[in-house]
């Protein structure tokens, strides 16, 4: 076989193997008829030394476009506001991806930094929280400043997102680092999250309501 023929054969084999690996890795969506999965998740974590909770993200897992090398397209964004304080944004076609039977790990590394990836988080720079007037009640002024200050968008220069899906439940973690132009310093964001599909969240709320009125599910007596 001549060199040109060998190149074509190797390319064809790689394409076939890649296609089989992608199809095998997409089994997370199989139980949902290959339709997108949509989760609402609660997020808690730290930005530098400041802790936070009660942030919310919507996470969507779907089939990728034809030119995406990954088995899935994974998108995470703030909910109901996509620029709320302490939330993060992630789109997997700008990162690496490793997919298992129920776990997905995405990383933003130097190989993907030939362009600025559209992956970021929002937080409130400490300088925006400093009281402009010194009073005996600086804590109250700081809280007021936090409510009035617009969150700063920090583009990630390194990041890792890990999710685990079990039926209608999702858990995971995220780590990001990026440069804050207001503080002129790097900021580190890390958080964990847990949530449910839209149907799972509704069922969970209904169960809580039933427990609240003294009802129990069959088999729980």
Protein backbone atom coordinates (compact mmCIF):
# COMPACT_ATOMS: atom_id res chain seq x y z
CA UNK A 1 0.00 0.00 0.00
CA UNK A 2 1.38 3.40 -0.94
CA UNK A 3 1.83 6.18 1.69
CA UNK A 4 -1.28 8.06 0.55
CA UNK A 5 -3.37 4.92 0.91
CA UNK A 6 -2.04 4.25 4.40
CA UNK A 7 -2.91 7.80 5.48
CA UNK A 8 -6.47 7.38 4.21
CA UNK A 9 -6.79 4.01 5.97
CA UNK A 10 -5.46 5.34 9.29
CA UNK A 11 -7.78 8.35 9.07
CA UNK A 12 -10.77 6.10 8.36
CA UNK A 13 -9.96 3.79 11.29
CA UNK A 14 -9.54 6.76 13.65
CA UNK A 15 -12.87 8.18 12.48
CA UNK A 16 -14.66 4.86 13.03
CA UNK A 17 -13.09 4.32 16.47
CA UNK A 18 -13.87 7.88 17.50
CA UNK A 19 -17.46 7.44 16.40
CA UNK A 20 -17.84 4.23 18.39
CA UNK A 21 -16.29 5.83 21.49
CA UNK A 22 -18.61 8.82 21.20
CA UNK A 23 -21.68 6.61 20.80
CA UNK A 24 -20.63 4.50 23.78
CA UNK A 25 -19.99 7.52 25.96
CA UNK A 26 -23.43 9.01 25.28
CA UNK A 27 -25.20 6.43 27.45
CA UNK A 28 -26.01 9.12 30.06
CA UNK A 29 -28.62 10.43 27.64
CA UNK A 30 -29.95 7.04 26.57
CA UNK A 31 -32.39 6.74 29.48
CA UNK A 32 -33.85 10.08 28.37
CA UNK A 33 -34.29 9.00 24.77
CA UNK A 34 -31.16 10.96 23.78
CA UNK A 35 -33.05 14.15 24.61
CA UNK A 36 -31.33 16.94 26.59
CA UNK A 37 -31.17 16.68 30.37
CA UNK A 38 -31.83 19.90 32.30
CA UNK A 39 -30.95 20.26 35.99
CA UNK A 40 -31.44 23.03 38.55
CA UNK A 41 -28.69 22.97 41.17
CA UNK A 42 -27.83 24.79 44.40
CA UNK A 43 -24.24 26.05 44.57
CA UNK A 44 -22.10 26.74 47.66
CA UNK A 45 -18.39 27.44 47.95
CA UNK A 46 -15.71 30.07 48.36
CA UNK A 47 -14.21 32.92 46.40
CA UNK A 48 -10.73 33.42 47.83
CA UNK A 49 -11.55 33.43 51.57
CA UNK A 50 -15.19 34.51 51.31
CA UNK A 51 -17.79 31.74 51.62
CA UNK A 52 -21.14 31.78 49.86
CA UNK A 53 -24.29 29.67 49.52
CA UNK A 54 -27.72 29.82 47.90
CA UNK A 55 -26.41 30.46 44.40
CA UNK A 56 -28.23 28.63 41.62
CA UNK A 57 -27.25 27.29 38.21
CA UNK A 58 -29.04 25.56 35.39
CA UNK A 59 -27.01 22.70 33.88
CA UNK A 60 -27.89 21.28 30.48
CA UNK A 61 -26.45 18.13 28.93
CA UNK A 62 -27.21 17.44 25.27
CA UNK A 63 -25.86 15.93 22.08
CA UNK A 64 -23.04 17.99 20.53
CA UNK A 65 -22.97 19.60 17.11
CA UNK A 66 -21.44 17.61 14.26
CA UNK A 67 -18.10 19.47 14.50
CA UNK A 68 -17.73 19.09 18.29
CA UNK A 69 -15.23 16.30 19.15
CA UNK A 70 -16.82 15.67 22.56
CA UNK A 71 -19.58 13.11 23.22
CA UNK A 72 -21.75 15.79 24.87
CA UNK A 73 -22.32 19.50 24.98
CA UNK A 74 -22.40 20.61 28.61
CA UNK A 75 -23.66 24.08 29.46
CA UNK A 76 -23.94 25.66 32.93
CA UNK A 77 -25.21 29.17 33.63
CA UNK A 78 -26.73 31.16 36.46
CA UNK A 79 -30.44 30.81 37.18
CA UNK A 80 -32.72 32.76 37.07
CA UNK A 81 -30.13 35.49 36.35
CA UNK A 82 -27.06 34.57 34.33
CA UNK A 83 -24.92 37.34 35.87
CA UNK A 84 -25.78 36.88 39.54
CA UNK A 85 -23.17 37.04 42.28
CA UNK A 86 -21.13 33.86 42.89
CA UNK A 87 -22.43 31.89 39.92
CA UNK A 88 -20.36 30.44 37.09
CA UNK A 89 -20.71 29.88 33.36
CA UNK A 90 -19.33 26.89 31.47
CA UNK A 91 -19.56 25.66 27.90
CA UNK A 92 -17.77 22.40 27.18
CA UNK A 93 -16.87 22.91 23.52
CA UNK A 94 -14.08 25.23 24.69
CA UNK A 95 -12.55 22.69 27.09
CA UNK A 96 -11.34 19.12 27.18
CA UNK A 97 -13.83 16.43 28.18
CA UNK A 98 -13.58 12.94 29.64
CA UNK A 99 -16.87 11.04 29.88
CA UNK A 100 -17.64 7.83 31.75
CA UNK A 101 -20.81 5.89 32.43
CA UNK A 102 -22.24 8.59 34.72
CA UNK A 103 -19.38 11.06 35.23
CA UNK A 104 -18.04 13.90 33.07
CA UNK A 105 -14.86 15.89 33.72
CA UNK A 106 -14.07 19.04 31.73
CA UNK A 107 -10.86 21.04 32.00
CA UNK A 108 -9.66 24.37 30.70
CA UNK A 109 -5.90 24.12 30.31
CA UNK A 110 -3.07 25.74 28.41
CA UNK A 111 -3.76 23.74 25.27
CA UNK A 112 -7.09 25.57 25.01
CA UNK A 113 -5.75 29.03 25.74
CA UNK A 114 -4.86 30.00 22.18
CA UNK A 115 -8.02 32.07 22.50
CA UNK A 116 -9.87 33.33 25.55
CA UNK A 117 -12.41 30.69 26.46
CA UNK A 118 -15.94 31.81 27.26
CA UNK A 119 -15.78 30.38 30.80
CA UNK A 120 -16.12 32.69 33.79
CA UNK A 121 -17.62 33.43 37.20
CA UNK A 122 -19.09 36.47 38.93
CA UNK A 123 -18.14 37.81 42.32
CA UNK A 124 -18.05 41.12 44.18
CA UNK A 125 -14.58 42.65 44.39
CA UNK A 126 -13.62 43.52 47.99
CA UNK A 127 -12.81 47.10 47.02
CA UNK A 128 -16.45 47.58 46.01
CA UNK A 129 -17.53 46.66 49.54
CA UNK A 130 -15.35 49.12 51.42
CA UNK A 131 -17.46 51.80 53.16
CA UNK A 132 -16.78 55.25 51.79
CA UNK A 133 -17.57 56.84 55.15
CA UNK A 134 -16.27 55.45 58.44
CA UNK A 135 -19.08 54.87 60.95
CA UNK A 136 -19.79 52.70 63.96
CA UNK A 137 -21.89 50.41 61.76
CA UNK A 138 -19.51 49.39 58.98
CA UNK A 139 -20.95 45.88 58.77
CA UNK A 140 -24.36 47.25 57.82
CA UNK A 141 -22.79 49.53 55.22
CA UNK A 142 -20.79 46.63 53.83
CA UNK A 143 -23.97 44.58 53.42
CA UNK A 144 -25.66 47.51 51.70
CA UNK A 145 -22.68 47.92 49.38
CA UNK A 146 -22.81 44.21 48.51
CA UNK A 147 -26.47 44.56 47.52
CA UNK A 148 -25.78 47.63 45.38
CA UNK A 149 -22.47 46.63 43.78
CA UNK A 150 -22.51 44.96 40.39
CA UNK A 151 -20.74 41.59 40.36
CA UNK A 152 -17.43 41.52 38.51
CA UNK A 153 -17.08 39.09 35.62
CA UNK A 154 -13.81 37.15 35.94
CA UNK A 155 -12.70 35.21 32.87
CA UNK A 156 -11.14 31.87 33.80
CA UNK A 157 -7.55 31.13 32.82
CA UNK A 158 -7.68 27.67 34.38
CA UNK A 159 -10.71 25.64 35.41
CA UNK A 160 -12.12 22.19 36.05
CA UNK A 161 -15.74 21.04 36.16
CA UNK A 162 -16.80 17.60 37.37
CA UNK A 163 -20.37 16.26 37.35
CA UNK A 164 -21.93 12.95 38.37
CA UNK A 165 -25.43 12.06 37.20
CA UNK A 166 -27.53 9.40 38.90
CA UNK A 167 -30.99 9.15 37.39
CA UNK A 168 -32.63 12.56 37.98
CA UNK A 169 -29.97 13.83 40.43
CA UNK A 170 -26.75 15.71 39.68
CA UNK A 171 -23.79 16.46 41.95
CA UNK A 172 -20.46 18.00 41.16
CA UNK A 173 -17.73 20.51 41.77
CA UNK A 174 -16.07 23.37 39.94
CA UNK A 175 -12.76 25.18 40.34
CA UNK A 176 -11.71 28.32 38.50
CA UNK A 177 -8.97 30.93 38.64
CA UNK A 178 -8.95 34.24 36.83
CA UNK A 179 -7.71 37.82 36.92
CA UNK A 180 -9.84 40.55 38.51
CA UNK A 181 -9.02 43.88 36.81
CA UNK A 182 -10.52 45.89 39.67
CA UNK A 183 -8.39 44.25 42.35
CA UNK A 184 -5.45 43.74 39.96
CA UNK A 185 -5.00 40.24 41.33
CA UNK A 186 -5.95 36.64 40.66
CA UNK A 187 -9.14 35.26 42.18
CA UNK A 188 -9.82 31.62 43.03
CA UNK A 189 -13.37 30.26 42.85
CA UNK A 190 -14.35 26.78 44.02
CA UNK A 191 -17.76 25.32 44.72
CA UNK A 192 -19.85 22.19 44.97
CA UNK A 193 -23.39 21.81 43.69
CA UNK A 194 -26.33 19.44 43.91
CA UNK A 195 -29.59 19.45 42.03
CA UNK A 196 -32.34 17.63 40.20
CA UNK A 197 -33.92 17.50 36.79
CA UNK A 198 -36.96 19.73 36.43
CA UNK A 199 -39.27 16.74 36.92
CA UNK A 200 -37.18 15.45 39.82
CA UNK A 201 -37.26 18.85 41.52
CA UNK A 202 -41.06 18.99 41.22
CA UNK A 203 -41.42 15.48 42.67
CA UNK A 204 -39.13 16.39 45.55
CA UNK A 205 -41.20 19.50 46.33
CA UNK A 206 -44.43 17.48 46.21
CA UNK A 207 -42.94 14.93 48.61
CA UNK A 208 -42.01 17.71 51.04
CA UNK A 209 -45.55 19.08 50.84
CA UNK A 210 -47.01 15.62 51.56
CA UNK A 211 -44.74 15.18 54.56
CA UNK A 212 -45.78 18.62 55.76
CA UNK A 213 -49.46 17.66 55.84
CA UNK A 214 -48.83 14.30 57.49
CA UNK A 215 -48.93 12.08 54.43
CA UNK A 216 -46.41 9.34 53.81
CA UNK A 217 -45.53 7.45 50.69
CA UNK A 218 -46.53 3.76 50.36
CA UNK A 219 -44.04 1.51 52.10
CA UNK A 220 -42.68 4.29 54.38
CA UNK A 221 -44.95 3.53 57.34
